[in-house]
């Protein structure tokens, strides 16, 4: 198979799946709204179940719900009928995913769920199937054919299931008024979480606090920058921040071939340095550094110099 044929197959697959997802628009109806309302009003959790490839989509759906403010867990249909059904409480909402809606495990499981009094939401490719007919609410994810050339491998159908689940999750989080702060609270780990909660005050306090006065001789400025290992120093006048001197400023000054013994901090410094408040997000500090092509920011509050946050601090935390 040549390269062009491989590309054509890939593009055809994406087109088939995109068409399947786009076709769901006609199924976003009052049933979908009812599903959102039932989950919002539920006193219990959302139990997501399924089998085969639908179970994989179900796991992702449960994870998305948990991360966006709707308590949920995944219960494999085969495990449910072999003892794990005891996890389900009467006030839980059960969401069952299936392409055919007629798999044997689903047929065994559904009467047990109904007998337990749970509201059953079916996300199913055939509304006239056993699952479709037993569900209290039906979300139709029918697709005409799979992207697989043999119309066998779940591809377009699983893409449609995933898209419908995402539509539900986003509708729910929006209805709950789920905020960036809520997301940060549930995602404290990893780079994503740190972008949402890590503050400048968490990092700059670990660093030295380089500072010189306006009339500090150049030799002392160099020692201050070198000893504090941050590549810069703040310049103060009566305890008020008036400038910054960086390694780059020193290099540019040395290129001017001027007499160094009379040079003081005020001759070298850059006025109006870029600053950031200690309560700002580290992600915002990174944005400022990127925008101005710099590696340090002076941390200030009411023009009082507090310290330095360095790009290396941010990279160490994995906030990129």
C-alpha atoms as a PDB file:
ATOM      1  CA  UNK A   1       0.000   0.000   0.000  1.00  0.00           C
ATOM      2  CA  UNK A   2       1.490   3.346  -1.022  1.00  0.00           C
ATOM      3  CA  UNK A   3       1.600   6.542   1.017  1.00  0.00           C
ATOM      4  CA  UNK A   4      -1.277   8.216  -0.813  1.00  0.00           C
ATOM      5  CA  UNK A   5      -3.610   5.290  -0.178  1.00  0.00           C
ATOM      6  CA  UNK A   6      -2.731   5.312   3.504  1.00  0.00           C
ATOM      7  CA  UNK A   7      -3.540   9.020   3.690  1.00  0.00           C
ATOM      8  CA  UNK A   8      -6.839   8.494   1.861  1.00  0.00           C
ATOM      9  CA  UNK A   9      -7.876   5.769   4.308  1.00  0.00           C
ATOM     10  CA  UNK A  10      -7.056   7.973   7.295  1.00  0.00           C
ATOM     11  CA  UNK A  11      -8.967  10.941   5.869  1.00  0.00           C
ATOM     12  CA  UNK A  12     -11.921   8.713   4.997  1.00  0.00           C
ATOM     13  CA  UNK A  13     -12.005   7.394   8.568  1.00  0.00           C
ATOM     14  CA  UNK A  14     -12.010  10.901  10.004  1.00  0.00           C
ATOM     15  CA  UNK A  15     -14.721  11.984   7.583  1.00  0.00           C
ATOM     16  CA  UNK A  16     -16.910   8.990   8.517  1.00  0.00           C
ATOM     17  CA  UNK A  17     -16.538   9.697  12.231  1.00  0.00           C
ATOM     18  CA  UNK A  18     -17.130  13.425  11.800  1.00  0.00           C
ATOM     19  CA  UNK A  19     -20.299  12.658   9.860  1.00  0.00           C
ATOM     20  CA  UNK A  20     -21.450  10.294  12.612  1.00  0.00           C
ATOM     21  CA  UNK A  21     -20.921  12.963  15.263  1.00  0.00           C
ATOM     22  CA  UNK A  22     -22.583  15.661  13.191  1.00  0.00           C
ATOM     23  CA  UNK A  23     -25.581  13.374  12.743  1.00  0.00           C
ATOM     24  CA  UNK A  24     -26.183  13.454  16.503  1.00  0.00           C
ATOM     25  CA  UNK A  25     -27.460  17.027  16.244  1.00  0.00           C
ATOM     26  CA  UNK A  26     -30.914  15.800  15.289  1.00  0.00           C
ATOM     27  CA  UNK A  27     -31.003  13.689  18.468  1.00  0.00           C
ATOM     28  CA  UNK A  28     -30.324  16.580  20.849  1.00  0.00           C
ATOM     29  CA  UNK A  29     -33.971  16.865  21.843  1.00  0.00           C
ATOM     30  CA  UNK A  30     -36.203  16.954  24.907  1.00  0.00           C
ATOM     31  CA  UNK A  31     -34.929  13.508  25.913  1.00  0.00           C
ATOM     32  CA  UNK A  32     -31.412  14.930  26.141  1.00  0.00           C
ATOM     33  CA  UNK A  33     -32.677  17.850  28.239  1.00  0.00           C
ATOM     34  CA  UNK A  34     -34.548  15.404  30.481  1.00  0.00           C
ATOM     35  CA  UNK A  35     -31.361  13.364  30.968  1.00  0.00           C
ATOM     36  CA  UNK A  36     -29.469  16.463  32.093  1.00  0.00           C
ATOM     37  CA  UNK A  37     -32.273  17.461  34.472  1.00  0.00           C
ATOM     38  CA  UNK A  38     -32.502  13.982  36.007  1.00  0.00           C
ATOM     39  CA  UNK A  39     -28.763  13.824  36.679  1.00  0.00           C
ATOM     40  CA  UNK A  40     -28.737  17.351  38.113  1.00  0.00           C
ATOM     41  CA  UNK A  41     -31.600  16.529  40.489  1.00  0.00           C
ATOM     42  CA  UNK A  42     -30.308  13.091  41.500  1.00  0.00           C
ATOM     43  CA  UNK A  43     -29.448  12.641  45.166  1.00  0.00           C
ATOM     44  CA  UNK A  44     -27.090   9.804  44.341  1.00  0.00           C
ATOM     45  CA  UNK A  45     -24.309   9.235  41.852  1.00  0.00           C
ATOM     46  CA  UNK A  46     -24.189   8.442  38.161  1.00  0.00           C
ATOM     47  CA  UNK A  47     -23.412   4.785  37.539  1.00  0.00           C
ATOM     48  CA  UNK A  48     -22.080   4.236  34.018  1.00  0.00           C
ATOM     49  CA  UNK A  49     -22.180   0.724  32.621  1.00  0.00           C
ATOM     50  CA  UNK A  50     -21.608  -1.122  29.367  1.00  0.00           C
ATOM     51  CA  UNK A  51     -19.662  -3.941  27.793  1.00  0.00           C
ATOM     52  CA  UNK A  52     -17.127  -4.293  25.007  1.00  0.00           C
ATOM     53  CA  UNK A  53     -15.953  -1.096  23.348  1.00  0.00           C
ATOM     54  CA  UNK A  54     -18.910   0.729  24.892  1.00  0.00           C
ATOM     55  CA  UNK A  55     -17.423  -0.007  28.306  1.00  0.00           C
ATOM     56  CA  UNK A  56     -14.247   1.835  27.307  1.00  0.00           C
ATOM     57  CA  UNK A  57     -16.303   4.885  26.360  1.00  0.00           C
ATOM     58  CA  UNK A  58     -18.215   4.505  29.630  1.00  0.00           C
ATOM     59  CA  UNK A  59     -15.015   4.624  31.676  1.00  0.00           C
ATOM     60  CA  UNK A  60     -14.015   7.861  30.012  1.00  0.00           C
ATOM     61  CA  UNK A  61     -17.501   9.320  30.562  1.00  0.00           C
ATOM     62  CA  UNK A  62     -17.422   8.481  34.272  1.00  0.00           C
ATOM     63  CA  UNK A  63     -13.959  10.041  34.567  1.00  0.00           C
ATOM     64  CA  UNK A  64     -15.143  13.208  32.826  1.00  0.00           C
ATOM     65  CA  UNK A  65     -18.154  13.486  35.121  1.00  0.00           C
ATOM     66  CA  UNK A  66     -16.022  13.063  38.229  1.00  0.00           C
ATOM     67  CA  UNK A  67     -13.595  15.737  37.086  1.00  0.00           C
ATOM     68  CA  UNK A  68     -16.375  18.229  36.383  1.00  0.00           C
ATOM     69  CA  UNK A  69     -18.456  18.048  39.542  1.00  0.00           C
ATOM     70  CA  UNK A  70     -20.797  15.098  38.978  1.00  0.00           C
ATOM     71  CA  UNK A  71     -19.943  12.096  41.217  1.00  0.00           C
ATOM     72  CA  UNK A  72     -19.815   8.965  39.082  1.00  0.00           C
ATOM     73  CA  UNK A  73     -18.195   5.571  38.719  1.00  0.00           C
ATOM     74  CA  UNK A  74     -17.988   2.922  36.046  1.00  0.00           C
ATOM     75  CA  UNK A  75     -19.487  -0.523  36.617  1.00  0.00           C
ATOM     76  CA  UNK A  76     -18.756  -3.153  33.974  1.00  0.00           C
ATOM     77  CA  UNK A  77     -21.955  -4.933  32.992  1.00  0.00           C
ATOM     78  CA  UNK A  78     -20.375  -8.387  33.341  1.00  0.00           C
ATOM     79  CA  UNK A  79     -19.083  -7.558  36.835  1.00  0.00           C
ATOM     80  CA  UNK A  80     -22.456  -6.106  37.797  1.00  0.00           C
ATOM     81  CA  UNK A  81     -24.271  -9.391  37.214  1.00  0.00           C
ATOM     82  CA  UNK A  82     -21.601 -11.277  39.146  1.00  0.00           C
ATOM     83  CA  UNK A  83     -21.878  -9.443  42.451  1.00  0.00           C
ATOM     84  CA  UNK A  84     -20.883  -5.826  41.889  1.00  0.00           C
ATOM     85  CA  UNK A  85     -24.479  -4.685  41.477  1.00  0.00           C
ATOM     86  CA  UNK A  86     -24.374  -4.157  45.230  1.00  0.00           C
ATOM     87  CA  UNK A  87     -22.537  -0.878  44.532  1.00  0.00           C
ATOM     88  CA  UNK A  88     -25.693   0.628  43.047  1.00  0.00           C
ATOM     89  CA  UNK A  89     -28.009   2.488  45.429  1.00  0.00           C
ATOM     90  CA  UNK A  90     -31.687   3.203  44.727  1.00  0.00           C
ATOM     91  CA  UNK A  91     -31.115   6.970  44.324  1.00  0.00           C
ATOM     92  CA  UNK A  92     -28.333   6.530  41.751  1.00  0.00           C
ATOM     93  CA  UNK A  93     -28.894   7.246  38.060  1.00  0.00           C
ATOM     94  CA  UNK A  94     -27.687   4.488  35.766  1.00  0.00           C
ATOM     95  CA  UNK A  95     -26.351   5.312  32.287  1.00  0.00           C
ATOM     96  CA  UNK A  96     -25.960   2.269  30.042  1.00  0.00           C
ATOM     97  CA  UNK A  97     -24.028   2.430  26.754  1.00  0.00           C
ATOM     98  CA  UNK A  98     -24.474  -0.098  23.979  1.00  0.00           C
ATOM     99  CA  UNK A  99     -24.360  -0.045  20.207  1.00  0.00           C
ATOM    100  CA  UNK A 100     -26.849  -2.871  19.662  1.00  0.00           C
ATOM    101  CA  UNK A 101     -28.695  -2.657  22.968  1.00  0.00           C
ATOM    102  CA  UNK A 102     -29.222  -6.424  22.855  1.00  0.00           C
ATOM    103  CA  UNK A 103     -26.058  -7.965  24.303  1.00  0.00           C
ATOM    104  CA  UNK A 104     -26.714 -10.845  26.744  1.00  0.00           C
ATOM    105  CA  UNK A 105     -25.117  -9.133  29.754  1.00  0.00           C
ATOM    106  CA  UNK A 106     -27.252  -6.027  29.206  1.00  0.00           C
ATOM    107  CA  UNK A 107     -30.401  -8.164  29.023  1.00  0.00           C
ATOM    108  CA  UNK A 108     -29.571  -9.783  32.357  1.00  0.00           C
ATOM    109  CA  UNK A 109     -28.577  -6.523  34.038  1.00  0.00           C
ATOM    110  CA  UNK A 110     -31.438  -4.211  33.095  1.00  0.00           C
ATOM    111  CA  UNK A 111     -34.288  -5.993  34.951  1.00  0.00           C
ATOM    112  CA  UNK A 112     -32.169  -5.893  38.107  1.00  0.00           C
ATOM    113  CA  UNK A 113     -31.608  -2.157  37.721  1.00  0.00           C
ATOM    114  CA  UNK A 114     -35.299  -1.577  37.066  1.00  0.00           C
ATOM    115  CA  UNK A 115     -36.237  -3.667  40.119  1.00  0.00           C
ATOM    116  CA  UNK A 116     -33.881  -1.531  42.217  1.00  0.00           C
ATOM    117  CA  UNK A 117     -35.864   1.579  41.223  1.00  0.00           C
ATOM    118  CA  UNK A 118     -33.024   3.394  39.456  1.00  0.00           C
ATOM    119  CA  UNK A 119     -33.658   5.816  36.618  1.00  0.00           C
ATOM    120  CA  UNK A 120     -32.092   4.253  33.527  1.00  0.00           C
ATOM    121  CA  UNK A 121     -30.629   6.384  30.721  1.00  0.00           C
ATOM    122  CA  UNK A 122     -29.771   4.395  27.617  1.00  0.00           C
ATOM    123  CA  UNK A 123     -27.184   5.695  25.178  1.00  0.00           C
ATOM    124  CA  UNK A 124     -27.872   3.251  22.395  1.00  0.00           C
ATOM    125  CA  UNK A 125     -27.483   2.855  18.649  1.00  0.00           C
ATOM    126  CA  UNK A 126     -30.872   1.177  18.260  1.00  0.00           C
ATOM    127  CA  UNK A 127     -33.759   2.776  20.183  1.00  0.00           C
ATOM    128  CA  UNK A 128     -35.939  -0.256  19.388  1.00  0.00           C
ATOM    129  CA  UNK A 129     -33.515  -2.637  21.072  1.00  0.00           C
ATOM    130  CA  UNK A 130     -33.973  -4.192  24.507  1.00  0.00           C
ATOM    131  CA  UNK A 131     -31.978  -1.366  26.107  1.00  0.00           C
ATOM    132  CA  UNK A 132     -33.879   1.271  24.164  1.00  0.00           C
ATOM    133  CA  UNK A 133     -37.257  -0.106  25.194  1.00  0.00           C
ATOM    134  CA  UNK A 134     -36.316  -0.626  28.857  1.00  0.00           C
ATOM    135  CA  UNK A 135     -34.718   2.794  29.380  1.00  0.00           C
ATOM    136  CA  UNK A 136     -36.558   5.649  31.060  1.00  0.00           C
ATOM    137  CA  UNK A 137     -34.639   8.067  28.814  1.00  0.00           C
ATOM    138  CA  UNK A 138     -33.130   7.177  25.454  1.00  0.00           C
ATOM    139  CA  UNK A 139     -30.280   9.057  23.768  1.00  0.00           C
ATOM    140  CA  UNK A 140     -30.015   7.870  20.192  1.00  0.00           C
ATOM    141  CA  UNK A 141     -26.445   7.442  18.891  1.00  0.00           C
ATOM    142  CA  UNK A 142     -27.316   5.519  15.731  1.00  0.00           C
ATOM    143  CA  UNK A 143     -24.776   5.595  12.902  1.00  0.00           C
ATOM    144  CA  UNK A 144     -25.371   4.354   9.374  1.00  0.00           C
ATOM    145  CA  UNK A 145     -22.065   2.479   9.120  1.00  0.00           C
ATOM    146  CA  UNK A 146     -18.682   2.147  10.736  1.00  0.00           C
ATOM    147  CA  UNK A 147     -15.523   3.681   9.309  1.00  0.00           C
ATOM    148  CA  UNK A 148     -14.174   0.126   9.078  1.00  0.00           C
ATOM    149  CA  UNK A 149     -14.399  -1.041   5.426  1.00  0.00           C
ATOM    150  CA  UNK A 150     -16.092  -4.243   6.628  1.00  0.00           C
ATOM    151  CA  UNK A 151     -18.596  -2.265   8.736  1.00  0.00           C
ATOM    152  CA  UNK A 152     -17.564  -4.321  11.757  1.00  0.00           C
ATOM    153  CA  UNK A 153     -14.986  -2.594  13.949  1.00  0.00           C
ATOM    154  CA  UNK A 154     -16.591  -0.026  16.302  1.00  0.00           C
ATOM    155  CA  UNK A 155     -15.243   3.287  15.048  1.00  0.00           C
ATOM    156  CA  UNK A 156     -17.939   5.747  13.997  1.00  0.00           C
ATOM    157  CA  UNK A 157     -20.280   4.261  16.615  1.00  0.00           C
ATOM    158  CA  UNK A 158     -17.820   4.730  19.492  1.00  0.00           C
ATOM    159  CA  UNK A 159     -16.987   8.238  18.255  1.00  0.00           C
ATOM    160  CA  UNK A 160     -20.719   9.026  18.386  1.00  0.00           C
ATOM    161  CA  UNK A 161     -21.057   7.549  21.887  1.00  0.00           C
ATOM    162  CA  UNK A 162     -18.090   9.560  23.146  1.00  0.00           C
ATOM    163  CA  UNK A 163     -19.411  12.765  21.601  1.00  0.00           C
ATOM    164  CA  UNK A 164     -22.856  12.288  23.145  1.00  0.00           C
ATOM    165  CA  UNK A 165     -21.264  11.635  26.546  1.00  0.00           C
ATOM    166  CA  UNK A 166     -19.145  14.779  26.203  1.00  0.00           C
ATOM    167  CA  UNK A 167     -22.246  16.771  25.267  1.00  0.00           C
ATOM    168  CA  UNK A 168     -23.937  15.531  28.428  1.00  0.00           C
ATOM    169  CA  UNK A 169     -20.906  16.296  30.589  1.00  0.00           C
ATOM    170  CA  UNK A 170     -20.491  19.833  29.250  1.00  0.00           C
ATOM    171  CA  UNK A 171     -24.200  20.551  29.615  1.00  0.00           C
ATOM    172  CA  UNK A 172     -24.025  19.323  33.219  1.00  0.00           C
ATOM    173  CA  UNK A 173     -20.944  21.293  34.209  1.00  0.00           C
ATOM    174  CA  UNK A 174     -22.395  24.436  32.659  1.00  0.00           C
ATOM    175  CA  UNK A 175     -25.702  23.944  34.449  1.00  0.00           C
ATOM    176  CA  UNK A 176     -23.842  23.462  37.740  1.00  0.00           C
ATOM    177  CA  UNK A 177     -21.902  26.682  37.229  1.00  0.00           C
ATOM    178  CA  UNK A 178     -18.652  24.712  37.360  1.00  0.00           C
ATOM    179  CA  UNK A 179     -15.760  27.184  37.420  1.00  0.00           C
ATOM    180  CA  UNK A 180     -12.034  27.212  36.750  1.00  0.00           C
ATOM    181  CA  UNK A 181     -11.518  27.227  40.524  1.00  0.00           C
ATOM    182  CA  UNK A 182     -13.682  24.111  40.855  1.00  0.00           C
ATOM    183  CA  UNK A 183     -11.644  22.423  38.128  1.00  0.00           C
ATOM    184  CA  UNK A 184      -8.387  23.310  39.913  1.00  0.00           C
ATOM    185  CA  UNK A 185      -9.731  21.884  43.177  1.00  0.00           C
ATOM    186  CA  UNK A 186     -10.397  18.537  41.490  1.00  0.00           C
ATOM    187  CA  UNK A 187      -7.137  18.533  39.480  1.00  0.00           C
ATOM    188  CA  UNK A 188      -4.379  19.346  41.992  1.00  0.00           C
ATOM    189  CA  UNK A 189      -1.816  17.087  40.340  1.00  0.00           C
ATOM    190  CA  UNK A 190       0.139  17.431  37.130  1.00  0.00           C
ATOM    191  CA  UNK A 191       0.845  20.400  34.911  1.00  0.00           C
ATOM    192  CA  UNK A 192      -2.833  21.116  34.286  1.00  0.00           C
ATOM    193  CA  UNK A 193      -3.644  21.409  37.971  1.00  0.00           C
ATOM    194  CA  UNK A 194      -0.619  23.567  38.699  1.00  0.00           C
ATOM    195  CA  UNK A 195      -1.596  25.997  35.952  1.00  0.00           C
ATOM    196  CA  UNK A 196      -4.884  26.509  37.737  1.00  0.00           C
ATOM    197  CA  UNK A 197      -3.808  26.825  41.359  1.00  0.00           C
ATOM    198  CA  UNK A 198      -0.045  27.449  41.733  1.00  0.00           C
ATOM    199  CA  UNK A 199       0.628  31.067  42.759  1.00  0.00           C
ATOM    200  CA  UNK A 200       3.704  33.252  42.411  1.00  0.00           C
ATOM    201  CA  UNK A 201       3.858  33.402  46.218  1.00  0.00           C
ATOM    202  CA  UNK A 202       4.382  29.626  46.270  1.00  0.00           C
ATOM    203  CA  UNK A 203       7.632  29.937  44.319  1.00  0.00           C
ATOM    204  CA  UNK A 204       9.386  33.260  44.801  1.00  0.00           C
ATOM    205  CA  UNK A 205       9.826  32.754  48.563  1.00  0.00           C
ATOM    206  CA  UNK A 206      12.209  29.864  47.841  1.00  0.00           C
ATOM    207  CA  UNK A 207      14.645  32.234  46.145  1.00  0.00           C
ATOM    208  CA  UNK A 208      17.190  34.713  47.402  1.00  0.00           C
ATOM    209  CA  UNK A 209      16.223  38.400  47.271  1.00  0.00           C
ATOM    210  CA  UNK A 210      18.887  40.231  45.238  1.00  0.00           C
ATOM    211  CA  UNK A 211      18.860  44.004  45.634  1.00  0.00           C
ATOM    212  CA  UNK A 212      21.181  46.995  45.324  1.00  0.00           C
ATOM    213  CA  UNK A 213      20.842  50.748  45.728  1.00  0.00           C
ATOM    214  CA  UNK A 214      21.002  53.354  42.963  1.00  0.00           C
ATOM    215  CA  UNK A 215      24.588  54.284  43.816  1.00  0.00           C
ATOM    216  CA  UNK A 216      25.912  50.739  44.359  1.00  0.00           C
ATOM    217  CA  UNK A 217      29.235  50.314  42.467  1.00  0.00           C
ATOM    218  CA  UNK A 218      29.250  47.979  39.481  1.00  0.00           C
ATOM    219  CA  UNK A 219      31.560  45.481  41.175  1.00  0.00           C
ATOM    220  CA  UNK A 220      29.078  45.056  44.025  1.00  0.00           C
ATOM    221  CA  UNK A 221      26.208  44.765  41.538  1.00  0.00           C
ATOM    222  CA  UNK A 222      28.003  41.896  39.806  1.00  0.00           C
ATOM    223  CA  UNK A 223      28.682  40.166  43.127  1.00  0.00           C
ATOM    224  CA  UNK A 224      25.025  40.520  44.136  1.00  0.00           C
ATOM    225  CA  UNK A 225      23.766  39.039  40.869  1.00  0.00           C
ATOM    226  CA  UNK A 226      26.318  36.231  40.952  1.00  0.00           C
ATOM    227  CA  UNK A 227      25.807  35.281  44.593  1.00  0.00           C
ATOM    228  CA  UNK A 228      22.007  35.178  44.437  1.00  0.00           C
ATOM    229  CA  UNK A 229      22.048  33.018  41.270  1.00  0.00           C
ATOM    230  CA  UNK A 230      18.936  34.500  39.653  1.00  0.00           C
ATOM    231  CA  UNK A 231      20.576  36.393  36.807  1.00  0.00           C
ATOM    232  CA  UNK A 232      19.323  39.756  38.017  1.00  0.00           C
ATOM    233  CA  UNK A 233      18.991  42.180  40.882  1.00  0.00           C
ATOM    234  CA  UNK A 234      16.387  44.755  41.806  1.00  0.00           C
ATOM    235  CA  UNK A 235      17.498  48.382  42.158  1.00  0.00           C
ATOM    236  CA  UNK A 236      15.960  50.300  45.059  1.00  0.00           C
ATOM    237  CA  UNK A 237      15.815  53.938  46.056  1.00  0.00           C
ATOM    238  CA  UNK A 238      14.664  54.512  49.651  1.00  0.00           C
ATOM    239  CA  UNK A 239      13.187  50.995  49.638  1.00  0.00           C
ATOM    240  CA  UNK A 240      11.138  51.735  46.515  1.00  0.00           C
ATOM    241  CA  UNK A 241      11.692  49.711  43.359  1.00  0.00           C
ATOM    242  CA  UNK A 242      13.123  51.840  40.555  1.00  0.00           C
ATOM    243  CA  UNK A 243      14.788  49.356  38.216  1.00  0.00           C
ATOM    244  CA  UNK A 244      16.316  45.992  37.424  1.00  0.00           C
ATOM    245  CA  UNK A 245      19.776  44.907  36.280  1.00  0.00           C
ATOM    246  CA  UNK A 246      20.110  41.581  34.487  1.00  0.00           C
ATOM    247  CA  UNK A 247      23.022  39.581  33.120  1.00  0.00           C
ATOM    248  CA  UNK A 248      22.045  40.926  29.726  1.00  0.00           C
ATOM    249  CA  UNK A 249      22.280  44.531  30.921  1.00  0.00           C
ATOM    250  CA  UNK A 250      25.818  43.880  32.169  1.00  0.00           C
ATOM    251  CA  UNK A 251      26.897  42.336  28.870  1.00  0.00           C
ATOM    252  CA  UNK A 252      25.483  45.227  26.881  1.00  0.00           C
ATOM    253  CA  UNK A 253      27.218  47.715  29.171  1.00  0.00           C
ATOM    254  CA  UNK A 254      30.592  45.962  28.780  1.00  0.00           C
ATOM    255  CA  UNK A 255      30.273  46.199  24.997  1.00  0.00           C
ATOM    256  CA  UNK A 256      30.293  50.004  25.241  1.00  0.00           C
ATOM    257  CA  UNK A 257      33.991  50.086  26.272  1.00  0.00           C
ATOM    258  CA  UNK A 258      33.388  52.630  29.013  1.00  0.00           C
ATOM    259  CA  UNK A 259      35.441  53.199  32.169  1.00  0.00           C
ATOM    260  CA  UNK A 260      34.022  50.727  34.702  1.00  0.00           C
ATOM    261  CA  UNK A 261      35.391  52.025  37.978  1.00  0.00           C
ATOM    262  CA  UNK A 262      32.918  54.914  38.132  1.00  0.00           C
ATOM    263  CA  UNK A 263      29.859  52.964  36.962  1.00  0.00           C
ATOM    264  CA  UNK A 264      27.036  52.523  39.490  1.00  0.00           C
ATOM    265  CA  UNK A 265      23.714  50.680  39.414  1.00  0.00           C
ATOM    266  CA  UNK A 266      21.734  53.644  38.092  1.00  0.00           C
ATOM    267  CA  UNK A 267      23.988  53.756  34.999  1.00  0.00           C
ATOM    268  CA  UNK A 268      23.178  50.159  34.046  1.00  0.00           C
ATOM    269  CA  UNK A 269      19.643  49.485  35.217  1.00  0.00           C
ATOM    270  CA  UNK A 270      16.497  49.180  33.152  1.00  0.00           C
ATOM    271  CA  UNK A 271      13.744  51.378  34.533  1.00  0.00           C
ATOM    272  CA  UNK A 272      10.092  50.340  34.828  1.00  0.00           C
ATOM    273  CA  UNK A 273      10.848  46.613  35.126  1.00  0.00           C
ATOM    274  CA  UNK A 274       8.173  44.010  34.527  1.00  0.00           C
ATOM    275  CA  UNK A 275       6.604  42.986  37.825  1.00  0.00           C
ATOM    276  CA  UNK A 276       3.949  40.621  39.095  1.00  0.00           C
ATOM    277  CA  UNK A 277       1.808  40.434  42.235  1.00  0.00           C
ATOM    278  CA  UNK A 278       2.467  37.505  44.592  1.00  0.00           C
ATOM    279  CA  UNK A 279      -1.162  36.350  44.373  1.00  0.00           C
ATOM    280  CA  UNK A 280      -0.998  35.993  40.580  1.00  0.00           C
ATOM    281  CA  UNK A 281      -1.025  32.553  39.007  1.00  0.00           C
ATOM    282  CA  UNK A 282       2.343  31.154  37.988  1.00  0.00           C
ATOM    283  CA  UNK A 283       0.794  30.497  34.577  1.00  0.00           C
ATOM    284  CA  UNK A 284       0.244  34.261  34.225  1.00  0.00           C
ATOM    285  CA  UNK A 285       3.883  34.905  35.137  1.00  0.00           C
ATOM    286  CA  UNK A 286       4.928  32.498  32.405  1.00  0.00           C
ATOM    287  CA  UNK A 287       2.720  34.297  29.885  1.00  0.00           C
ATOM    288  CA  UNK A 288       4.395  37.628  30.734  1.00  0.00           C
ATOM    289  CA  UNK A 289       7.857  36.121  30.398  1.00  0.00           C
ATOM    290  CA  UNK A 290       7.004  34.651  27.031  1.00  0.00           C
ATOM    291  CA  UNK A 291       5.424  37.873  25.788  1.00  0.00           C
ATOM    292  CA  UNK A 292       8.498  39.952  26.672  1.00  0.00           C
ATOM    293  CA  UNK A 293      11.161  37.283  26.049  1.00  0.00           C
ATOM    294  CA  UNK A 294      12.521  37.508  29.599  1.00  0.00           C
ATOM    295  CA  UNK A 295      13.385  34.907  32.234  1.00  0.00           C
ATOM    296  CA  UNK A 296      12.738  36.776  35.496  1.00  0.00           C
ATOM    297  CA  UNK A 297       9.968  38.835  37.015  1.00  0.00           C
ATOM    298  CA  UNK A 298      10.238  41.005  40.102  1.00  0.00           C
ATOM    299  CA  UNK A 299       7.527  40.273  42.618  1.00  0.00           C
ATOM    300  CA  UNK A 300       5.969  43.411  44.112  1.00  0.00           C
ATOM    301  CA  UNK A 301       3.018  44.508  46.182  1.00  0.00           C
ATOM    302  CA  UNK A 302       2.137  48.219  46.317  1.00  0.00           C
ATOM    303  CA  UNK A 303       5.531  48.901  44.708  1.00  0.00           C
ATOM    304  CA  UNK A 304       7.241  47.096  47.591  1.00  0.00           C
ATOM    305  CA  UNK A 305       9.856  44.704  46.279  1.00  0.00           C
ATOM    306  CA  UNK A 306       9.381  41.169  47.624  1.00  0.00           C
ATOM    307  CA  UNK A 307      11.614  38.945  45.506  1.00  0.00           C
ATOM    308  CA  UNK A 308      12.127  37.259  42.138  1.00  0.00           C
ATOM    309  CA  UNK A 309      10.372  34.473  40.277  1.00  0.00           C
ATOM    310  CA  UNK A 310      12.535  32.842  37.613  1.00  0.00           C
ATOM    311  CA  UNK A 311      11.622  30.829  34.551  1.00  0.00           C
ATOM    312  CA  UNK A 312      13.594  27.916  35.981  1.00  0.00           C
ATOM    313  CA  UNK A 313      11.261  27.865  39.000  1.00  0.00           C
ATOM    314  CA  UNK A 314       8.297  27.474  36.672  1.00  0.00           C
ATOM    315  CA  UNK A 315       9.937  24.813  34.523  1.00  0.00           C
ATOM    316  CA  UNK A 316      10.867  22.863  37.656  1.00  0.00           C
ATOM    317  CA  UNK A 317       7.201  22.734  38.601  1.00  0.00           C
ATOM    318  CA  UNK A 318       6.229  21.494  35.150  1.00  0.00           C
ATOM    319  CA  UNK A 319       4.020  24.490  34.370  1.00  0.00           C
ATOM    320  CA  UNK A 320       4.644  24.817  30.638  1.00  0.00           C
END
